[in-house]
Amino acid sequence: MASTVTAIESPCRQICVVHPTRKLCLGCGRSLDEIAGWIDFDVAERARIMAQLPARLQTLPAAAAGTPTKA
């Protein structure tokens, strides 16, 4: 029987670098605790985190968002 619960995929973008002071991944915006616990979080917790990521990413350096920076 198929599950009726839709899993939320990981927001990982394969840019796994943590900002030195914000302690957020520059690729996805998650904290180290969120990355480590992602597999164990329920759908509601994942959705809560996913909703916060766009705002978090906007506060990180432009290079992290994939925007080229001038040298």
Protein backbone atom coordinates (compact mmCIF):
# COMPACT_ATOMS: atom_id res chain seq x y z
CA MET A 1 0.00 0.00 0.00
CA ALA A 2 1.41 3.43 -0.97
CA SER A 3 1.86 6.09 1.66
CA THR A 4 -0.41 9.15 1.48
CA VAL A 5 2.23 11.32 3.17
CA THR A 6 4.43 13.21 0.75
CA ALA A 7 8.01 13.45 1.94
CA ILE A 8 9.80 16.76 1.59
CA GLU A 9 13.05 16.28 -0.24
CA SER A 10 16.27 17.72 1.09
CA PRO A 11 16.99 21.30 0.00
CA CYS A 12 20.68 20.42 -0.39
CA ARG A 13 22.24 22.07 -3.45
CA GLN A 14 25.62 20.33 -3.18
CA ILE A 15 27.26 23.58 -1.97
CA CYS A 16 28.22 22.36 1.47
CA VAL A 17 30.07 25.28 3.04
CA VAL A 18 29.12 26.69 6.43
CA HIS A 19 29.22 30.45 6.99
CA PRO A 20 31.82 31.07 9.75
CA THR A 21 29.67 33.32 11.94
CA ARG A 22 26.07 32.62 10.90
CA LYS A 23 26.64 28.84 11.11
CA LEU A 24 24.34 28.26 8.14
CA CYS A 25 25.09 26.28 5.01
CA LEU A 26 25.77 28.66 2.13
CA GLY A 27 24.07 26.29 -0.30
CA CYS A 28 20.78 25.48 1.40
CA GLY A 29 20.55 27.80 4.40
CA ARG A 30 20.14 25.09 7.00
CA SER A 31 22.01 24.95 10.30
CA LEU A 32 24.29 22.03 11.05
CA ASP A 33 21.70 20.67 13.49
CA GLU A 34 19.01 20.85 10.81
CA ILE A 35 21.24 19.11 8.27
CA ALA A 36 22.14 16.36 10.75
CA GLY A 37 18.56 15.81 11.87
CA TRP A 38 16.83 16.17 8.49
CA ILE A 39 16.29 12.45 7.99
CA ASP A 40 14.61 12.14 11.39
CA PHE A 41 12.36 15.23 11.14
CA ASP A 42 8.70 14.73 10.40
CA VAL A 43 7.02 16.39 7.42
CA ALA A 44 5.75 19.33 9.51
CA GLU A 45 9.22 20.13 10.86
CA ARG A 46 10.76 19.89 7.39
CA ALA A 47 8.06 22.19 6.00
CA ARG A 48 8.71 24.71 8.80
CA ILE A 49 12.43 24.75 8.00
CA MET A 50 11.84 24.92 4.24
CA ALA A 51 9.64 27.99 4.73
CA GLN A 52 12.50 29.78 6.51
CA LEU A 53 15.24 29.00 3.98
CA PRO A 54 14.57 31.71 1.36
CA ALA A 55 14.85 34.49 3.96
CA ARG A 56 17.97 32.91 5.47
CA LEU A 57 19.66 32.61 2.08
CA GLN A 58 18.98 36.27 1.32
CA THR A 59 21.03 37.23 4.39
CA LEU A 60 24.06 35.20 3.30
CA PRO A 61 26.77 36.37 0.86
CA ALA A 62 25.64 36.78 -2.77
CA ALA A 63 28.17 34.18 -3.94
CA ALA A 64 26.31 31.56 -1.91
CA ALA A 65 23.10 32.16 -3.83
CA GLY A 66 24.82 31.48 -7.12
CA THR A 67 25.10 35.15 -8.03
CA PRO A 68 28.47 35.95 -9.58
CA THR A 69 30.54 38.49 -7.70
CA LYS A 70 32.96 40.97 -9.19
CA ALA A 71 36.63 40.21 -8.59
